[in-house]
Amino acid sequence: MRDIIFRGKRVDNDEWIYGFLVKMWELYHIIDQNNENFAYMIKPKTIGQFTGLCDKNGKKIFEGDIVESPNGTQGFIEWQNAECAFLVNIGDDWQTMDDCPYEVVGNIYDNKEEE
């Protein structure tokens, strides 16, 4: 079974937190996957879901990650409703993550120049 986890940047210290997404008191929180007694308020723009795939090095790929293909082209991961899938956006081209030869090299939140 696939893990359905999210990540987001904490409001109080800008650190990434990974776990279960909940909305409490009209604000988004992530319950820490390692300690369910803690829920952290997160910045809504930074919420990203785990795609269910790992990169070529075994690192989990999240929505908003910047990935690099074996030929050096880079793109970012985004959910596409029309395809019902997470796809790689490379310029004006959308690609599937079949066989996942990609490597995570950053994300659109920490690497602002990639947005």
PDB file of N, CA and C in Angstrom:
ATOM      1  N   MET A   1       0.839  -1.173   0.000  1.00  0.00           N
ATOM      2  CA  MET A   1       0.000   0.000   0.000  1.00  0.00           C
ATOM      3  C   MET A   1       0.891   1.246   0.000  1.00  0.00           C
ATOM      4  N   ARG A   2       0.465   2.254  -0.724  1.00  0.00           N
ATOM      5  CA  ARG A   2       1.216   3.491  -0.871  1.00  0.00           C
ATOM      6  C   ARG A   2       1.011   4.392   0.341  1.00  0.00           C
ATOM      7  N   ASP A   3       2.101   5.018   0.814  1.00  0.00           N
ATOM      8  CA  ASP A   3       2.011   5.999   1.891  1.00  0.00           C
ATOM      9  C   ASP A   3       1.378   7.272   1.349  1.00  0.00           C
ATOM     10  N   ILE A   4       0.364   7.783   2.030  1.00  0.00           N
ATOM     11  CA  ILE A   4      -0.225   9.060   1.654  1.00  0.00           C
ATOM     12  C   ILE A   4       0.225  10.055   2.706  1.00  0.00           C
ATOM     13  N   ILE A   5       1.335  10.716   2.406  1.00  0.00           N
ATOM     14  CA  ILE A   5       1.890  11.698   3.326  1.00  0.00           C
ATOM     15  C   ILE A   5       2.085  13.011   2.577  1.00  0.00           C
ATOM     16  N   PHE A   6       2.208  14.059   3.355  1.00  0.00           N
ATOM     17  CA  PHE A   6       2.390  15.399   2.822  1.00  0.00           C
ATOM     18  C   PHE A   6       3.610  16.030   3.471  1.00  0.00           C
ATOM     19  N   ARG A   7       4.052  17.109   2.856  1.00  0.00           N
ATOM     20  CA  ARG A   7       5.081  17.931   3.477  1.00  0.00           C
ATOM     21  C   ARG A   7       4.651  19.383   3.347  1.00  0.00           C
ATOM     22  N   GLY A   8       5.205  20.210   4.195  1.00  0.00           N
ATOM     23  CA  GLY A   8       4.947  21.641   4.144  1.00  0.00           C
ATOM     24  C   GLY A   8       5.938  22.348   5.038  1.00  0.00           C
ATOM     25  N   LYS A   9       6.102  23.651   4.804  1.00  0.00           N
ATOM     26  CA  LYS A   9       7.006  24.449   5.632  1.00  0.00           C
ATOM     27  C   LYS A   9       6.250  24.990   6.834  1.00  0.00           C
ATOM     28  N   ARG A  10       6.851  24.822   7.989  1.00  0.00           N
ATOM     29  CA  ARG A  10       6.255  25.311   9.230  1.00  0.00           C
ATOM     30  C   ARG A  10       6.203  26.832   9.231  1.00  0.00           C
ATOM     31  N   VAL A  11       5.122  27.378   9.761  1.00  0.00           N
ATOM     32  CA  VAL A  11       4.954  28.824   9.857  1.00  0.00           C
ATOM     33  C   VAL A  11       5.954  29.428  10.844  1.00  0.00           C
ATOM     34  N   ASP A  12       6.224  28.727  11.948  1.00  0.00           N
ATOM     35  CA  ASP A  12       7.043  29.304  13.018  1.00  0.00           C
ATOM     36  C   ASP A  12       8.538  29.340  12.731  1.00  0.00           C
ATOM     37  N   ASN A  13       9.058  28.402  11.928  1.00  0.00           N
ATOM     38  CA  ASN A  13      10.511  28.395  11.729  1.00  0.00           C
ATOM     39  C   ASN A  13      10.942  28.060  10.296  1.00  0.00           C
ATOM     40  N   ASP A  14      10.011  27.931   9.376  1.00  0.00           N
ATOM     41  CA  ASP A  14      10.303  27.702   7.959  1.00  0.00           C
ATOM     42  C   ASP A  14      10.959  26.345   7.674  1.00  0.00           C
ATOM     43  N   GLU A  15      10.913  25.412   8.625  1.00  0.00           N
ATOM     44  CA  GLU A  15      11.473  24.077   8.403  1.00  0.00           C
ATOM     45  C   GLU A  15      10.421  23.175   7.773  1.00  0.00           C
ATOM     46  N   TRP A  16      10.885  22.177   7.018  1.00  0.00           N
ATOM     47  CA  TRP A  16       9.985  21.200   6.414  1.00  0.00           C
ATOM     48  C   TRP A  16       9.495  20.232   7.467  1.00  0.00           C
ATOM     49  N   ILE A  17       8.220  19.879   7.372  1.00  0.00           N
ATOM     50  CA  ILE A  17       7.634  18.861   8.245  1.00  0.00           C
ATOM     51  C   ILE A  17       6.922  17.854   7.349  1.00  0.00           C
ATOM     52  N   TYR A  18       6.989  16.589   7.705  1.00  0.00           N
ATOM     53  CA  TYR A  18       6.404  15.507   6.914  1.00  0.00           C
ATOM     54  C   TYR A  18       5.397  14.755   7.763  1.00  0.00           C
ATOM     55  N   GLY A  19       4.238  14.456   7.177  1.00  0.00           N
ATOM     56  CA  GLY A  19       3.246  13.705   7.930  1.00  0.00           C
ATOM     57  C   GLY A  19       1.867  13.765   7.311  1.00  0.00           C
ATOM     58  N   PHE A  20       0.870  13.904   8.165  1.00  0.00           N
ATOM     59  CA  PHE A  20      -0.527  13.791   7.762  1.00  0.00           C
ATOM     60  C   PHE A  20      -1.179  15.172   7.749  1.00  0.00           C
ATOM     61  N   LEU A  21      -1.766  15.549   6.640  1.00  0.00           N
ATOM     62  CA  LEU A  21      -2.362  16.873   6.467  1.00  0.00           C
ATOM     63  C   LEU A  21      -3.751  16.924   7.084  1.00  0.00           C
ATOM     64  N   VAL A  22      -3.984  17.958   7.897  1.00  0.00           N
ATOM     65  CA  VAL A  22      -5.302  18.189   8.497  1.00  0.00           C
ATOM     66  C   VAL A  22      -5.600  19.686   8.451  1.00  0.00           C
ATOM     67  N   LYS A  23      -6.877  20.002   8.472  1.00  0.00           N
ATOM     68  CA  LYS A  23      -7.287  21.404   8.565  1.00  0.00           C
ATOM     69  C   LYS A  23      -7.990  21.580   9.899  1.00  0.00           C
ATOM     70  N   MET A  24      -7.389  22.415  10.765  1.00  0.00           N
ATOM     71  CA  MET A  24      -7.948  22.681  12.088  1.00  0.00           C
ATOM     72  C   MET A  24      -8.092  24.188  12.252  1.00  0.00           C
ATOM     73  N   TRP A  25      -9.238  24.616  12.741  1.00  0.00           N
ATOM     74  CA  TRP A  25      -9.487  26.030  12.990  1.00  0.00           C
ATOM     75  C   TRP A  25      -9.229  26.870  11.729  1.00  0.00           C
ATOM     76  N   GLU A  26      -9.617  26.317  10.574  1.00  0.00           N
ATOM     77  CA  GLU A  26      -9.471  26.983   9.266  1.00  0.00           C
ATOM     78  C   GLU A  26      -8.020  27.164   8.829  1.00  0.00           C
ATOM     79  N   LEU A  27      -7.088  26.493   9.505  1.00  0.00           N
ATOM     80  CA  LEU A  27      -5.667  26.568   9.161  1.00  0.00           C
ATOM     81  C   LEU A  27      -5.142  25.167   8.880  1.00  0.00           C
ATOM     82  N   TYR A  28      -4.164  25.074   7.975  1.00  0.00           N
ATOM     83  CA  TYR A  28      -3.585  23.775   7.642  1.00  0.00           C
ATOM     84  C   TYR A  28      -2.466  23.434   8.612  1.00  0.00           C
ATOM     85  N   HIS A  29      -2.482  22.171   9.020  1.00  0.00           N
ATOM     86  CA  HIS A  29      -1.465  21.630   9.914  1.00  0.00           C
ATOM     87  C   HIS A  29      -0.994  20.295   9.358  1.00  0.00           C
ATOM     88  N   ILE A  30       0.224  19.950   9.704  1.00  0.00           N
ATOM     89  CA  ILE A  30       0.715  18.597   9.427  1.00  0.00           C
ATOM     90  C   ILE A  30       1.030  17.953  10.763  1.00  0.00           C
ATOM     91  N   ILE A  31       0.446  16.783  10.949  1.00  0.00           N
ATOM     92  CA  ILE A  31       0.748  15.982  12.137  1.00  0.00           C
ATOM     93  C   ILE A  31       2.033  15.232  11.833  1.00  0.00           C
ATOM     94  N   ASP A  32       3.019  15.409  12.689  1.00  0.00           N
ATOM     95  CA  ASP A  32       4.345  14.818  12.499  1.00  0.00           C
ATOM     96  C   ASP A  32       4.229  13.299  12.353  1.00  0.00           C
ATOM     97  N   GLN A  33       4.773  12.761  11.267  1.00  0.00           N
ATOM     98  CA  GLN A  33       4.678  11.316  11.036  1.00  0.00           C
ATOM     99  C   GLN A  33       5.477  10.517  12.058  1.00  0.00           C
ATOM    100  N   ASN A  34       6.450  11.147  12.723  1.00  0.00           N
ATOM    101  CA  ASN A  34       7.257  10.445  13.721  1.00  0.00           C
ATOM    102  C   ASN A  34       6.732  10.613  15.144  1.00  0.00           C
ATOM    103  N   ASN A  35       5.851  11.604  15.344  1.00  0.00           N
ATOM    104  CA  ASN A  35       5.287  11.822  16.673  1.00  0.00           C
ATOM    105  C   ASN A  35       3.900  12.428  16.504  1.00  0.00           C
ATOM    106  N   GLU A  36       2.882  11.595  16.565  1.00  0.00           N
ATOM    107  CA  GLU A  36       1.511  12.022  16.292  1.00  0.00           C
ATOM    108  C   GLU A  36       0.939  12.953  17.366  1.00  0.00           C
ATOM    109  N   ASN A  37       1.723  13.262  18.409  1.00  0.00           N
ATOM    110  CA  ASN A  37       1.283  14.205  19.426  1.00  0.00           C
ATOM    111  C   ASN A  37       1.532  15.653  19.022  1.00  0.00           C
ATOM    112  N   PHE A  38       2.212  15.860  17.892  1.00  0.00           N
ATOM    113  CA  PHE A  38       2.550  17.207  17.452  1.00  0.00           C
ATOM    114  C   PHE A  38       1.931  17.500  16.097  1.00  0.00           C
ATOM    115  N   ALA A  39       1.240  18.636  16.017  1.00  0.00           N
ATOM    116  CA  ALA A  39       0.702  19.135  14.750  1.00  0.00           C
ATOM    117  C   ALA A  39       1.254  20.541  14.557  1.00  0.00           C
ATOM    118  N   TYR A  40       1.825  20.780  13.419  1.00  0.00           N
ATOM    119  CA  TYR A  40       2.461  22.063  13.145  1.00  0.00           C
ATOM    120  C   TYR A  40       1.682  22.832  12.095  1.00  0.00           C
ATOM    121  N   MET A  41       1.454  24.125  12.344  1.00  0.00           N
ATOM    122  CA  MET A  41       0.810  24.972  11.356  1.00  0.00           C
ATOM    123  C   MET A  41       1.808  25.180  10.216  1.00  0.00           C
ATOM    124  N   ILE A  42       1.282  25.040   8.986  1.00  0.00           N
ATOM    125  CA  ILE A  42       2.167  25.146   7.832  1.00  0.00           C
ATOM    126  C   ILE A  42       1.679  26.207   6.852  1.00  0.00           C
ATOM    127  N   LYS A  43       2.596  26.648   5.999  1.00  0.00           N
ATOM    128  CA  LYS A  43       2.282  27.614   4.958  1.00  0.00           C
ATOM    129  C   LYS A  43       1.542  26.887   3.837  1.00  0.00           C
ATOM    130  N   PRO A  44       0.306  27.263   3.557  1.00  0.00           N
ATOM    131  CA  PRO A  44      -0.498  26.534   2.559  1.00  0.00           C
ATOM    132  C   PRO A  44       0.155  26.421   1.181  1.00  0.00           C
ATOM    133  N   LYS A  45       0.889  27.450   0.750  1.00  0.00           N
ATOM    134  CA  LYS A  45       1.508  27.414  -0.587  1.00  0.00           C
ATOM    135  C   LYS A  45       2.584  26.340  -0.707  1.00  0.00           C
ATOM    136  N   THR A  46       3.095  25.846   0.428  1.00  0.00           N
ATOM    137  CA  THR A  46       4.189  24.871   0.386  1.00  0.00           C
ATOM    138  C   THR A  46       3.717  23.429   0.518  1.00  0.00           C
ATOM    139  N   ILE A  47       2.415  23.209   0.620  1.00  0.00           N
ATOM    140  CA  ILE A  47       1.902  21.846   0.782  1.00  0.00           C
ATOM    141  C   ILE A  47       2.162  21.035  -0.485  1.00  0.00           C
ATOM    142  N   GLY A  48       2.721  19.854  -0.303  1.00  0.00           N
ATOM    143  CA  GLY A  48       2.952  18.945  -1.421  1.00  0.00           C
ATOM    144  C   GLY A  48       2.711  17.518  -0.992  1.00  0.00           C
ATOM    145  N   GLN A  49       2.079  16.748  -1.862  1.00  0.00           N
ATOM    146  CA  GLN A  49       1.794  15.347  -1.559  1.00  0.00           C
ATOM    147  C   GLN A  49       2.899  14.449  -2.099  1.00  0.00           C
ATOM    148  N   PHE A  50       3.177  13.385  -1.378  1.00  0.00           N
ATOM    149  CA  PHE A  50       4.103  12.354  -1.842  1.00  0.00           C
ATOM    150  C   PHE A  50       3.497  11.697  -3.069  1.00  0.00           C
ATOM    151  N   THR A  51       4.273  11.561  -4.135  1.00  0.00           N
ATOM    152  CA  THR A  51       3.775  11.011  -5.400  1.00  0.00           C
ATOM    153  C   THR A  51       3.624   9.500  -5.377  1.00  0.00           C
ATOM    154  N   GLY A  52       4.218   8.861  -4.391  1.00  0.00           N
ATOM    155  CA  GLY A  52       4.226   7.404  -4.362  1.00  0.00           C
ATOM    156  C   GLY A  52       5.452   6.826  -5.048  1.00  0.00           C
ATOM    157  N   LEU A  53       6.302   7.706  -5.586  1.00  0.00           N
ATOM    158  CA  LEU A  53       7.509   7.277  -6.290  1.00  0.00           C
ATOM    159  C   LEU A  53       8.754   7.826  -5.614  1.00  0.00           C
ATOM    160  N   CYS A  54       9.852   7.132  -5.829  1.00  0.00           N
ATOM    161  CA  CYS A  54      11.152   7.593  -5.354  1.00  0.00           C
ATOM    162  C   CYS A  54      12.046   7.844  -6.558  1.00  0.00           C
ATOM    163  N   ASP A  55      13.017   8.727  -6.379  1.00  0.00           N
ATOM    164  CA  ASP A  55      13.932   9.012  -7.485  1.00  0.00           C
ATOM    165  C   ASP A  55      14.954   7.885  -7.624  1.00  0.00           C
ATOM    166  N   LYS A  56      15.894   8.053  -8.535  1.00  0.00           N
ATOM    167  CA  LYS A  56      16.864   6.985  -8.805  1.00  0.00           C
ATOM    168  C   LYS A  56      17.757   6.669  -7.614  1.00  0.00           C
ATOM    169  N   ASN A  57      17.788   7.585  -6.615  1.00  0.00           N
ATOM    170  CA  ASN A  57      18.589   7.378  -5.407  1.00  0.00           C
ATOM    171  C   ASN A  57      17.758   6.915  -4.212  1.00  0.00           C
ATOM    172  N   GLY A  58      16.447   6.695  -4.441  1.00  0.00           N
ATOM    173  CA  GLY A  58      15.578   6.236  -3.370  1.00  0.00           C
ATOM    174  C   GLY A  58      14.931   7.344  -2.564  1.00  0.00           C
ATOM    175  N   LYS A  59      15.135   8.617  -2.954  1.00  0.00           N
ATOM    176  CA  LYS A  59      14.529   9.752  -2.250  1.00  0.00           C
ATOM    177  C   LYS A  59      13.076   9.912  -2.680  1.00  0.00           C
ATOM    178  N   LYS A  60      12.175  10.097  -1.699  1.00  0.00           N
ATOM    179  CA  LYS A  60      10.759  10.274  -2.015  1.00  0.00           C
ATOM    180  C   LYS A  60      10.564  11.538  -2.848  1.00  0.00           C
ATOM    181  N   ILE A  61       9.694  11.434  -3.861  1.00  0.00           N
ATOM    182  CA  ILE A  61       9.390  12.564  -4.737  1.00  0.00           C
ATOM    183  C   ILE A  61       8.050  13.155  -4.317  1.00  0.00           C
ATOM    184  N   PHE A  62       8.055  14.470  -4.045  1.00  0.00           N
ATOM    185  CA  PHE A  62       6.859  15.196  -3.647  1.00  0.00           C
ATOM    186  C   PHE A  62       6.457  16.189  -4.721  1.00  0.00           C
ATOM    187  N   GLU A  63       5.178  16.505  -4.723  1.00  0.00           N
ATOM    188  CA  GLU A  63       4.654  17.574  -5.554  1.00  0.00           C
ATOM    189  C   GLU A  63       5.461  18.841  -5.246  1.00  0.00           C
ATOM    190  N   GLY A  64       5.922  19.529  -6.295  1.00  0.00           N
ATOM    191  CA  GLY A  64       6.731  20.734  -6.117  1.00  0.00           C
ATOM    192  C   GLY A  64       8.223  20.484  -6.164  1.00  0.00           C
ATOM    193  N   ASP A  65       8.642  19.224  -6.203  1.00  0.00           N
ATOM    194  CA  ASP A  65      10.069  18.927  -6.331  1.00  0.00           C
ATOM    195  C   ASP A  65      10.570  19.262  -7.731  1.00  0.00           C
ATOM    196  N   ILE A  66      11.830  19.672  -7.809  1.00  0.00           N
ATOM    197  CA  ILE A  66      12.504  19.867  -9.084  1.00  0.00           C
ATOM    198  C   ILE A  66      13.319  18.605  -9.324  1.00  0.00           C
ATOM    199  N   VAL A  67      13.130  18.022 -10.492  1.00  0.00           N
ATOM    200  CA  VAL A  67      13.835  16.788 -10.831  1.00  0.00           C
ATOM    201  C   VAL A  67      14.665  17.006 -12.087  1.00  0.00           C
ATOM    202  N   GLU A  68      15.703  16.176 -12.211  1.00  0.00           N
ATOM    203  CA  GLU A  68      16.578  16.235 -13.386  1.00  0.00           C
ATOM    204  C   GLU A  68      16.593  14.866 -14.047  1.00  0.00           C
ATOM    205  N   SER A  69      16.466  14.874 -15.367  1.00  0.00           N
ATOM    206  CA  SER A  69      16.487  13.622 -16.129  1.00  0.00           C
ATOM    207  C   SER A  69      17.931  13.225 -16.397  1.00  0.00           C
ATOM    208  N   PRO A  70      18.162  11.998 -16.859  1.00  0.00           N
ATOM    209  CA  PRO A  70      19.514  11.563 -17.169  1.00  0.00           C
ATOM    210  C   PRO A  70      20.209  12.432 -18.231  1.00  0.00           C
ATOM    211  N   ASN A  71      19.423  13.086 -19.112  1.00  0.00           N
ATOM    212  CA  ASN A  71      20.058  13.937 -20.135  1.00  0.00           C
ATOM    213  C   ASN A  71      20.265  15.375 -19.658  1.00  0.00           C
ATOM    214  N   GLY A  72      19.948  15.662 -18.374  1.00  0.00           N
ATOM    215  CA  GLY A  72      20.240  16.966 -17.796  1.00  0.00           C
ATOM    216  C   GLY A  72      19.109  17.978 -17.825  1.00  0.00           C
ATOM    217  N   THR A  73      17.971  17.634 -18.438  1.00  0.00           N
ATOM    218  CA  THR A  73      16.850  18.579 -18.425  1.00  0.00           C
ATOM    219  C   THR A  73      16.170  18.538 -17.066  1.00  0.00           C
ATOM    220  N   GLN A  74      15.695  19.713 -16.639  1.00  0.00           N
ATOM    221  CA  GLN A  74      15.036  19.813 -15.348  1.00  0.00           C
ATOM    222  C   GLN A  74      13.583  20.209 -15.510  1.00  0.00           C
ATOM    223  N   GLY A  75      12.767  19.768 -14.568  1.00  0.00           N
ATOM    224  CA  GLY A  75      11.357  20.121 -14.532  1.00  0.00           C
ATOM    225  C   GLY A  75      10.852  19.974 -13.117  1.00  0.00           C
ATOM    226  N   PHE A  76       9.604  20.361 -12.900  1.00  0.00           N
ATOM    227  CA  PHE A  76       9.046  20.237 -11.551  1.00  0.00           C
ATOM    228  C   PHE A  76       7.817  19.340 -11.576  1.00  0.00           C
ATOM    229  N   ILE A  77       7.534  18.752 -10.436  1.00  0.00           N
ATOM    230  CA  ILE A  77       6.441  17.792 -10.293  1.00  0.00           C
ATOM    231  C   ILE A  77       5.157  18.540  -9.967  1.00  0.00           C
ATOM    232  N   GLU A  78       4.103  18.210 -10.700  1.00  0.00           N
ATOM    233  CA  GLU A  78       2.811  18.858 -10.481  1.00  0.00           C
ATOM    234  C   GLU A  78       1.695  17.856 -10.743  1.00  0.00           C
ATOM    235  N   TRP A  79       0.609  17.975  -9.963  1.00  0.00           N
ATOM    236  CA  TRP A  79      -0.567  17.130 -10.176  1.00  0.00           C
ATOM    237  C   TRP A  79      -1.347  17.679 -11.355  1.00  0.00           C
ATOM    238  N   GLN A  80      -1.758  16.798 -12.266  1.00  0.00           N
ATOM    239  CA  GLN A  80      -2.574  17.181 -13.407  1.00  0.00           C
ATOM    240  C   GLN A  80      -3.910  16.466 -13.320  1.00  0.00           C
ATOM    241  N   ASN A  81      -4.978  17.231 -13.082  1.00  0.00           N
ATOM    242  CA  ASN A  81      -6.317  16.649 -12.949  1.00  0.00           C
ATOM    243  C   ASN A  81      -6.752  15.918 -14.208  1.00  0.00           C
ATOM    244  N   ALA A  82      -6.448  16.473 -15.382  1.00  0.00           N
ATOM    245  CA  ALA A  82      -6.882  15.855 -16.639  1.00  0.00           C
ATOM    246  C   ALA A  82      -6.296  14.457 -16.814  1.00  0.00           C
ATOM    247  N   GLU A  83      -5.093  14.261 -16.313  1.00  0.00           N
ATOM    248  CA  GLU A  83      -4.422  12.963 -16.440  1.00  0.00           C
ATOM    249  C   GLU A  83      -4.588  12.097 -15.197  1.00  0.00           C
ATOM    250  N   CYS A  84      -5.078  12.704 -14.112  1.00  0.00           N
ATOM    251  CA  CYS A  84      -5.171  12.017 -12.818  1.00  0.00           C
ATOM    252  C   CYS A  84      -3.824  11.420 -12.427  1.00  0.00           C
ATOM    253  N   ALA A  85      -2.784  12.255 -12.539  1.00  0.00           N
ATOM    254  CA  ALA A  85      -1.442  11.763 -12.252  1.00  0.00           C
ATOM    255  C   ALA A  85      -0.504  12.930 -11.934  1.00  0.00           C
ATOM    256  N   PHE A  86       0.575  12.610 -11.232  1.00  0.00           N
ATOM    257  CA  PHE A  86       1.661  13.566 -11.052  1.00  0.00           C
ATOM    258  C   PHE A  86       2.522  13.487 -12.307  1.00  0.00           C
ATOM    259  N   LEU A  87       2.825  14.651 -12.897  1.00  0.00           N
ATOM    260  CA  LEU A  87       3.631  14.700 -14.103  1.00  0.00           C
ATOM    261  C   LEU A  87       4.801  15.653 -13.905  1.00  0.00           C
ATOM    262  N   VAL A  88       5.810  15.520 -14.769  1.00  0.00           N
ATOM    263  CA  VAL A  88       6.967  16.400 -14.755  1.00  0.00           C
ATOM    264  C   VAL A  88       6.733  17.496 -15.790  1.00  0.00           C
ATOM    265  N   ASN A  89       6.786  18.753 -15.343  1.00  0.00           N
ATOM    266  CA  ASN A  89       6.635  19.897 -16.234  1.00  0.00           C
ATOM    267  C   ASN A  89       8.019  20.354 -16.665  1.00  0.00           C
ATOM    268  N   ILE A  90       8.326  20.162 -17.945  1.00  0.00           N
ATOM    269  CA  ILE A  90       9.599  20.605 -18.510  1.00  0.00           C
ATOM    270  C   ILE A  90       9.268  21.625 -19.591  1.00  0.00           C
ATOM    271  N   GLY A  91       9.314  22.905 -19.214  1.00  0.00           N
ATOM    272  CA  GLY A  91       8.938  23.958 -20.151  1.00  0.00           C
ATOM    273  C   GLY A  91       7.466  23.858 -20.490  1.00  0.00           C
ATOM    274  N   ASP A  92       7.146  23.671 -21.752  1.00  0.00           N
ATOM    275  CA  ASP A  92       5.756  23.507 -22.182  1.00  0.00           C
ATOM    276  C   ASP A  92       5.389  22.039 -22.356  1.00  0.00           C
ATOM    277  N   ASP A  93       6.265  21.155 -21.951  1.00  0.00           N
ATOM    278  CA  ASP A  93       6.066  19.723 -22.150  1.00  0.00           C
ATOM    279  C   ASP A  93       5.766  19.049 -20.816  1.00  0.00           C
ATOM    280  N   TRP A  94       4.824  18.116 -20.834  1.00  0.00           N
ATOM    281  CA  TRP A  94       4.489  17.320 -19.655  1.00  0.00           C
ATOM    282  C   TRP A  94       4.916  15.888 -19.905  1.00  0.00           C
ATOM    283  N   GLN A  95       5.627  15.302 -18.960  1.00  0.00           N
ATOM    284  CA  GLN A  95       6.085  13.926 -19.110  1.00  0.00           C
ATOM    285  C   GLN A  95       5.665  13.099 -17.908  1.00  0.00           C
ATOM    286  N   THR A  96       5.421  11.819 -18.156  1.00  0.00           N
ATOM    287  CA  THR A  96       5.143  10.908 -17.054  1.00  0.00           C
ATOM    288  C   THR A  96       6.456  10.572 -16.350  1.00  0.00           C
ATOM    289  N   MET A  97       6.326   9.954 -15.206  1.00  0.00           N
ATOM    290  CA  MET A  97       7.518   9.555 -14.464  1.00  0.00           C
ATOM    291  C   MET A  97       7.753   8.058 -14.611  1.00  0.00           C
ATOM    292  N   ASP A  98       7.412   7.490 -15.772  1.00  0.00           N
ATOM    293  CA  ASP A  98       7.618   6.069 -16.031  1.00  0.00           C
ATOM    294  C   ASP A  98       9.068   5.688 -15.792  1.00  0.00           C
ATOM    295  N   ASP A  99       9.253   4.576 -15.120  1.00  0.00           N
ATOM    296  CA  ASP A  99      10.577   4.038 -14.799  1.00  0.00           C
ATOM    297  C   ASP A  99      11.393   4.981 -13.913  1.00  0.00           C
ATOM    298  N   CYS A 100      10.898   6.158 -13.651  1.00  0.00           N
ATOM    299  CA  CYS A 100      11.472   7.141 -12.735  1.00  0.00           C
ATOM    300  C   CYS A 100      12.998   7.245 -12.796  1.00  0.00           C
ATOM    301  N   PRO A 101      13.567   7.638 -13.956  1.00  0.00           N
ATOM    302  CA  PRO A 101      15.010   7.814 -14.046  1.00  0.00           C
ATOM    303  C   PRO A 101      15.459   9.162 -13.489  1.00  0.00           C
ATOM    304  N   TYR A 102      14.525   9.919 -12.891  1.00  0.00           N
ATOM    305  CA  TYR A 102      14.814  11.265 -12.433  1.00  0.00           C
ATOM    306  C   TYR A 102      15.548  11.281 -11.094  1.00  0.00           C
ATOM    307  N   GLU A 103      16.179  12.433 -10.818  1.00  0.00           N
ATOM    308  CA  GLU A 103      16.823  12.671  -9.536  1.00  0.00           C
ATOM    309  C   GLU A 103      16.271  13.980  -8.976  1.00  0.00           C
ATOM    310  N   VAL A 104      15.872  13.985  -7.709  1.00  0.00           N
ATOM    311  CA  VAL A 104      15.404  15.206  -7.060  1.00  0.00           C
ATOM    312  C   VAL A 104      16.616  16.100  -6.825  1.00  0.00           C
ATOM    313  N   VAL A 105      16.544  17.348  -7.338  1.00  0.00           N
ATOM    314  CA  VAL A 105      17.656  18.295  -7.194  1.00  0.00           C
ATOM    315  C   VAL A 105      17.255  19.545  -6.416  1.00  0.00           C
ATOM    316  N   GLY A 106      16.008  19.629  -5.982  1.00  0.00           N
ATOM    317  CA  GLY A 106      15.537  20.779  -5.222  1.00  0.00           C
ATOM    318  C   GLY A 106      14.025  20.800  -5.214  1.00  0.00           C
ATOM    319  N   ASN A 107      13.480  21.971  -4.902  1.00  0.00           N
ATOM    320  CA  ASN A 107      12.035  22.157  -4.955  1.00  0.00           C
ATOM    321  C   ASN A 107      11.733  23.603  -5.291  1.00  0.00           C
ATOM    322  N   ILE A 108      10.513  23.874  -5.719  1.00  0.00           N
ATOM    323  CA  ILE A 108      10.157  25.211  -6.187  1.00  0.00           C
ATOM    324  C   ILE A 108      10.029  26.222  -5.053  1.00  0.00           C
ATOM    325  N   TYR A 109      10.059  25.784  -3.818  1.00  0.00           N
ATOM    326  CA  TYR A 109       9.920  26.687  -2.681  1.00  0.00           C
ATOM    327  C   TYR A 109      11.275  27.163  -2.164  1.00  0.00           C
ATOM    328  N   ASP A 110      12.266  26.288  -2.167  1.00  0.00           N
ATOM    329  CA  ASP A 110      13.606  26.665  -1.712  1.00  0.00           C
ATOM    330  C   ASP A 110      14.458  27.192  -2.865  1.00  0.00           C
ATOM    331  N   ASN A 111      14.113  26.838  -4.101  1.00  0.00           N
ATOM    332  CA  ASN A 111      14.859  27.254  -5.292  1.00  0.00           C
ATOM    333  C   ASN A 111      13.998  28.223  -6.085  1.00  0.00           C
ATOM    334  N   LYS A 112      13.841  29.439  -5.593  1.00  0.00           N
ATOM    335  CA  LYS A 112      12.910  30.410  -6.178  1.00  0.00           C
ATOM    336  C   LYS A 112      13.212  30.713  -7.651  1.00  0.00           C
ATOM    337  N   GLU A 113      14.474  30.652  -8.038  1.00  0.00           N
ATOM    338  CA  GLU A 113      14.812  30.964  -9.431  1.00  0.00           C
ATOM    339  C   GLU A 113      14.243  29.946 -10.404  1.00  0.00           C
ATOM    340  N   GLU A 114      13.804  28.771  -9.911  1.00  0.00           N
ATOM    341  CA  GLU A 114      13.253  27.733 -10.774  1.00  0.00           C
ATOM    342  C   GLU A 114      11.769  27.921 -11.024  1.00  0.00           C
ATOM    343  N   GLU A 115      11.095  28.825 -10.277  1.00  0.00           N
ATOM    344  CA  GLU A 115       9.642  29.011 -10.436  1.00  0.00           C
ATOM    345  C   GLU A 115       9.308  29.616 -11.760  1.00  0.00           C
TER     346      GLU A 115
END
